[in-house]
Amino acid sequence: MKKNLVVFASGSGSNAINVCEYFKDHPSIQVVAIFCNNPQAGIIEKIKSYPVPLILITKSEFLNQEELTKKLSLFEPNLIALLGFLWKIPAYLVQAYPRKIVNLHPALLPKFGGKGMYGHFVHEAVKAANETHSGITIHWVNEQYDEGEMIAQFTFDIKPSDEVKDIAEKIHGLEQKHVPQILEKVLMSEEN
């Protein structure tokens, strides 16, 4: 029986699509749904090329424990991956899916995490702090922003000449290269 991956996304969907592509012919894992909280998100158009349902959710639906857990349970997720999803996961969801929700963060946690630290805000903070390295962190989700136990980190050197857009491009490269494999590793572990 295949393991079910549900993706939560808010933006362009490049990581969600990369994951869908990676698992489309996988013998053991399937992406069974994309949950999206942004009716203008790029993922909405992009996912039409894949046999994966897109579920648009409102803030009230997201905060309604009974409603969201009912919707999620239809897909029987073995793992939920937050790939560019910008809302904080409510405690009820963390408790309903313990060690079953992972987040992708575009910096080397514990630095540059927390509320409001996403996308270009993270890259700008990294550049402003004159960091010599950055990268991505994949971690378990708990009740706090970006504080769950780390699963994996991947890094790159920041050159003095790198601008914010250069940092963003390097982050994107790491995401595209590593996220599907880490999700696969987590799903194929005995816990999931």
Protein backbone atom coordinates (compact mmCIF):
# COMPACT_ATOMS: atom_id res chain seq x y z
CA MET A 1 0.00 0.00 0.00
CA LYS A 2 1.34 3.44 -0.95
CA LYS A 3 2.12 6.06 1.64
CA ASN A 4 0.17 9.30 1.34
CA LEU A 5 1.80 12.73 1.27
CA VAL A 6 -0.29 15.88 1.68
CA VAL A 7 1.34 19.21 0.79
CA PHE A 8 0.34 22.59 2.23
CA ALA A 9 1.37 25.54 0.02
CA SER A 10 0.67 29.29 -0.13
CA GLY A 11 2.70 30.59 -3.04
CA SER A 12 4.16 29.88 -6.45
CA GLY A 13 4.22 26.16 -5.82
CA SER A 14 7.66 25.43 -7.28
CA ASN A 15 8.54 23.11 -4.39
CA ALA A 16 5.11 21.46 -4.39
CA ILE A 17 5.35 20.79 -8.13
CA ASN A 18 8.90 19.48 -7.75
CA VAL A 19 7.63 17.05 -5.11
CA CYS A 20 4.66 16.00 -7.30
CA GLU A 21 7.03 15.37 -10.20
CA TYR A 22 9.44 13.38 -8.04
CA PHE A 23 6.72 11.09 -6.68
CA LYS A 24 4.49 10.78 -9.78
CA ASP A 25 5.73 7.27 -10.64
CA HIS A 26 7.03 6.32 -7.20
CA PRO A 27 6.27 2.71 -6.23
CA SER A 28 5.63 3.47 -2.55
CA ILE A 29 4.66 7.15 -2.15
CA GLN A 30 1.96 9.33 -3.69
CA VAL A 31 1.03 13.00 -3.33
CA VAL A 32 -2.67 12.76 -2.57
CA ALA A 33 -3.63 16.44 -2.09
CA ILE A 34 -2.43 20.02 -2.08
CA PHE A 35 -4.01 22.24 0.57
CA CYS A 36 -3.74 25.93 -0.29
CA ASN A 37 -4.78 28.99 1.71
CA ASN A 38 -4.24 31.59 -1.02
CA PRO A 39 -6.79 31.85 -3.88
CA GLN A 40 -4.17 33.74 -5.95
CA ALA A 41 -1.34 31.23 -5.39
CA GLY A 42 0.64 30.07 -8.41
CA ILE A 43 0.26 26.45 -7.33
CA ILE A 44 -3.44 26.52 -8.30
CA GLU A 45 -2.70 26.74 -12.02
CA LYS A 46 0.44 24.59 -11.93
CA ILE A 47 -1.18 21.62 -10.18
CA LYS A 48 -3.73 21.23 -13.00
CA SER A 49 -1.09 19.22 -14.90
CA TYR A 50 -1.11 16.57 -12.17
CA PRO A 51 -3.82 14.17 -10.98
CA VAL A 52 -3.67 15.72 -7.50
CA PRO A 53 -6.69 17.48 -5.99
CA LEU A 54 -6.24 21.05 -4.80
CA ILE A 55 -8.18 21.96 -1.65
CA LEU A 56 -8.57 25.70 -1.04
CA ILE A 57 -9.02 26.50 2.64
CA THR A 58 -10.08 29.70 4.36
CA LYS A 59 -8.67 30.96 7.66
CA SER A 60 -11.88 29.99 9.46
CA GLU A 61 -11.75 26.46 8.01
CA PHE A 62 -8.09 26.20 9.00
CA LEU A 63 -8.80 27.20 12.59
CA ASN A 64 -11.85 24.93 12.83
CA GLN A 65 -10.50 21.69 14.26
CA GLU A 66 -13.42 19.51 13.26
CA GLU A 67 -13.61 20.87 9.72
CA LEU A 68 -9.91 20.68 8.85
CA THR A 69 -9.24 17.30 10.46
CA LYS A 70 -12.27 15.91 8.61
CA LYS A 71 -10.94 17.22 5.27
CA LEU A 72 -7.44 15.93 5.98
CA SER A 73 -8.63 12.52 7.13
CA LEU A 74 -10.19 11.91 3.70
CA PHE A 75 -6.62 11.70 2.35
CA GLU A 76 -5.22 9.52 5.17
CA PRO A 77 -1.87 11.36 5.27
CA ASN A 78 1.22 9.54 6.44
CA LEU A 79 3.02 12.88 6.23
CA ILE A 80 2.08 16.54 5.76
CA ALA A 81 4.74 18.76 4.19
CA LEU A 82 4.60 22.54 4.56
CA LEU A 83 6.27 23.83 1.41
CA GLY A 84 5.97 27.60 1.46
CA PHE A 85 2.89 27.54 3.69
CA LEU A 86 2.70 30.78 5.66
CA TRP A 87 0.14 30.14 8.40
CA LYS A 88 1.20 28.83 11.80
CA ILE A 89 -0.06 25.28 12.30
CA PRO A 90 -2.58 25.21 15.16
CA ALA A 91 -1.79 23.09 18.20
CA TYR A 92 -4.75 20.77 17.53
CA LEU A 93 -3.24 19.78 14.17
CA VAL A 94 0.21 19.16 15.65
CA GLN A 95 -1.43 16.92 18.26
CA ALA A 96 -3.60 15.12 15.69
CA TYR A 97 -0.52 14.36 13.53
CA PRO A 98 2.44 14.00 15.94
CA ARG A 99 5.75 13.72 14.04
CA LYS A 100 3.75 13.68 10.83
CA ILE A 101 4.13 17.37 9.83
CA VAL A 102 7.38 18.73 8.41
CA ASN A 103 8.28 22.27 7.40
CA LEU A 104 10.76 23.63 4.89
CA HIS A 105 12.45 26.81 6.10
CA PRO A 106 14.72 28.91 3.82
CA ALA A 107 17.48 29.53 6.37
CA LEU A 108 19.69 27.67 8.80
CA LEU A 109 17.58 27.43 11.93
CA PRO A 110 17.67 28.36 14.74
CA LYS A 111 18.83 31.61 13.12
CA PHE A 112 16.35 33.64 11.05
CA GLY A 113 13.22 31.78 12.13
CA GLY A 114 9.95 32.82 13.70
CA LYS A 115 6.89 34.84 12.79
CA GLY A 116 7.33 36.89 9.63
CA MET A 117 10.53 35.12 8.60
CA TYR A 118 9.73 33.74 5.18
CA GLY A 119 10.78 34.29 1.58
CA HIS A 120 12.67 37.48 0.85
CA PHE A 121 12.38 38.63 4.48
CA VAL A 122 14.65 35.76 5.49
CA HIS A 123 17.15 36.40 2.69
CA GLU A 124 17.25 40.13 3.48
CA ALA A 125 17.91 39.38 7.16
CA VAL A 126 20.67 36.92 6.25
CA LYS A 127 22.32 39.50 3.97
CA ALA A 128 21.95 42.30 6.55
CA ALA A 129 23.62 40.13 9.19
CA ASN A 130 26.63 39.56 6.88
CA GLU A 131 26.28 35.81 7.21
CA THR A 132 28.89 33.74 5.38
CA HIS A 133 26.57 30.72 5.03
CA SER A 134 22.89 30.09 4.52
CA GLY A 135 20.79 27.17 3.45
CA ILE A 136 17.58 25.30 4.13
CA THR A 137 16.24 23.50 7.17
CA ILE A 138 13.67 20.73 7.10
CA HIS A 139 12.21 20.17 10.55
CA TRP A 140 9.33 18.60 12.44
CA VAL A 141 6.54 21.03 13.24
CA ASN A 142 5.60 21.75 16.84
CA GLU A 143 3.40 24.44 18.40
CA GLN A 144 6.02 27.19 17.86
CA TYR A 145 7.22 28.81 14.63
CA ASP A 146 10.36 27.08 13.34
CA GLU A 147 11.30 25.42 16.65
CA GLY A 148 10.61 21.75 15.92
CA GLU A 149 13.32 19.11 15.91
CA MET A 150 15.60 19.31 12.89
CA ILE A 151 15.49 16.56 10.26
CA ALA A 152 18.08 17.92 7.81
CA GLN A 153 20.01 21.05 6.83
CA PHE A 154 21.82 21.86 3.60
CA THR A 155 24.16 24.82 3.30
CA PHE A 156 26.02 27.00 0.83
CA ASP A 157 28.62 29.74 1.10
CA ILE A 158 27.55 33.34 0.69
CA LYS A 159 30.04 35.42 -1.26
CA PRO A 160 30.47 39.07 -0.26
CA SER A 161 29.19 40.00 -3.73
CA ASP A 162 25.96 37.97 -3.36
CA GLU A 163 22.81 40.05 -3.36
CA VAL A 164 19.47 39.02 -1.84
CA LYS A 165 18.34 37.60 -5.20
CA ASP A 166 21.51 35.47 -5.39
CA ILE A 167 20.83 34.06 -1.94
CA ALA A 168 17.23 33.35 -2.95
CA GLU A 169 18.40 31.50 -6.09
CA LYS A 170 20.84 29.37 -4.11
CA ILE A 171 18.13 28.54 -1.57
CA HIS A 172 15.78 27.54 -4.38
CA GLY A 173 18.46 25.28 -5.85
CA LEU A 174 18.91 23.49 -2.52
CA GLU A 175 15.14 23.12 -2.12
CA GLN A 176 14.72 21.63 -5.58
CA LYS A 177 17.62 19.23 -5.07
CA HIS A 178 16.98 18.00 -1.53
CA VAL A 179 13.34 18.37 -0.43
CA PRO A 180 11.85 15.40 -2.34
CA GLN A 181 14.60 13.04 -1.18
CA ILE A 182 14.21 14.08 2.47
CA LEU A 183 10.43 13.61 2.29
CA GLU A 184 11.02 10.20 0.74
CA LYS A 185 13.46 9.27 3.50
CA VAL A 186 11.03 10.37 6.21
CA LEU A 187 8.11 8.52 4.61
CA MET A 188 10.10 5.34 4.12
CA SER A 189 11.25 5.30 7.74
CA GLU A 190 9.41 2.86 9.98
CA GLU A 191 7.68 5.64 11.91
CA ASN A 192 5.64 6.72 8.90
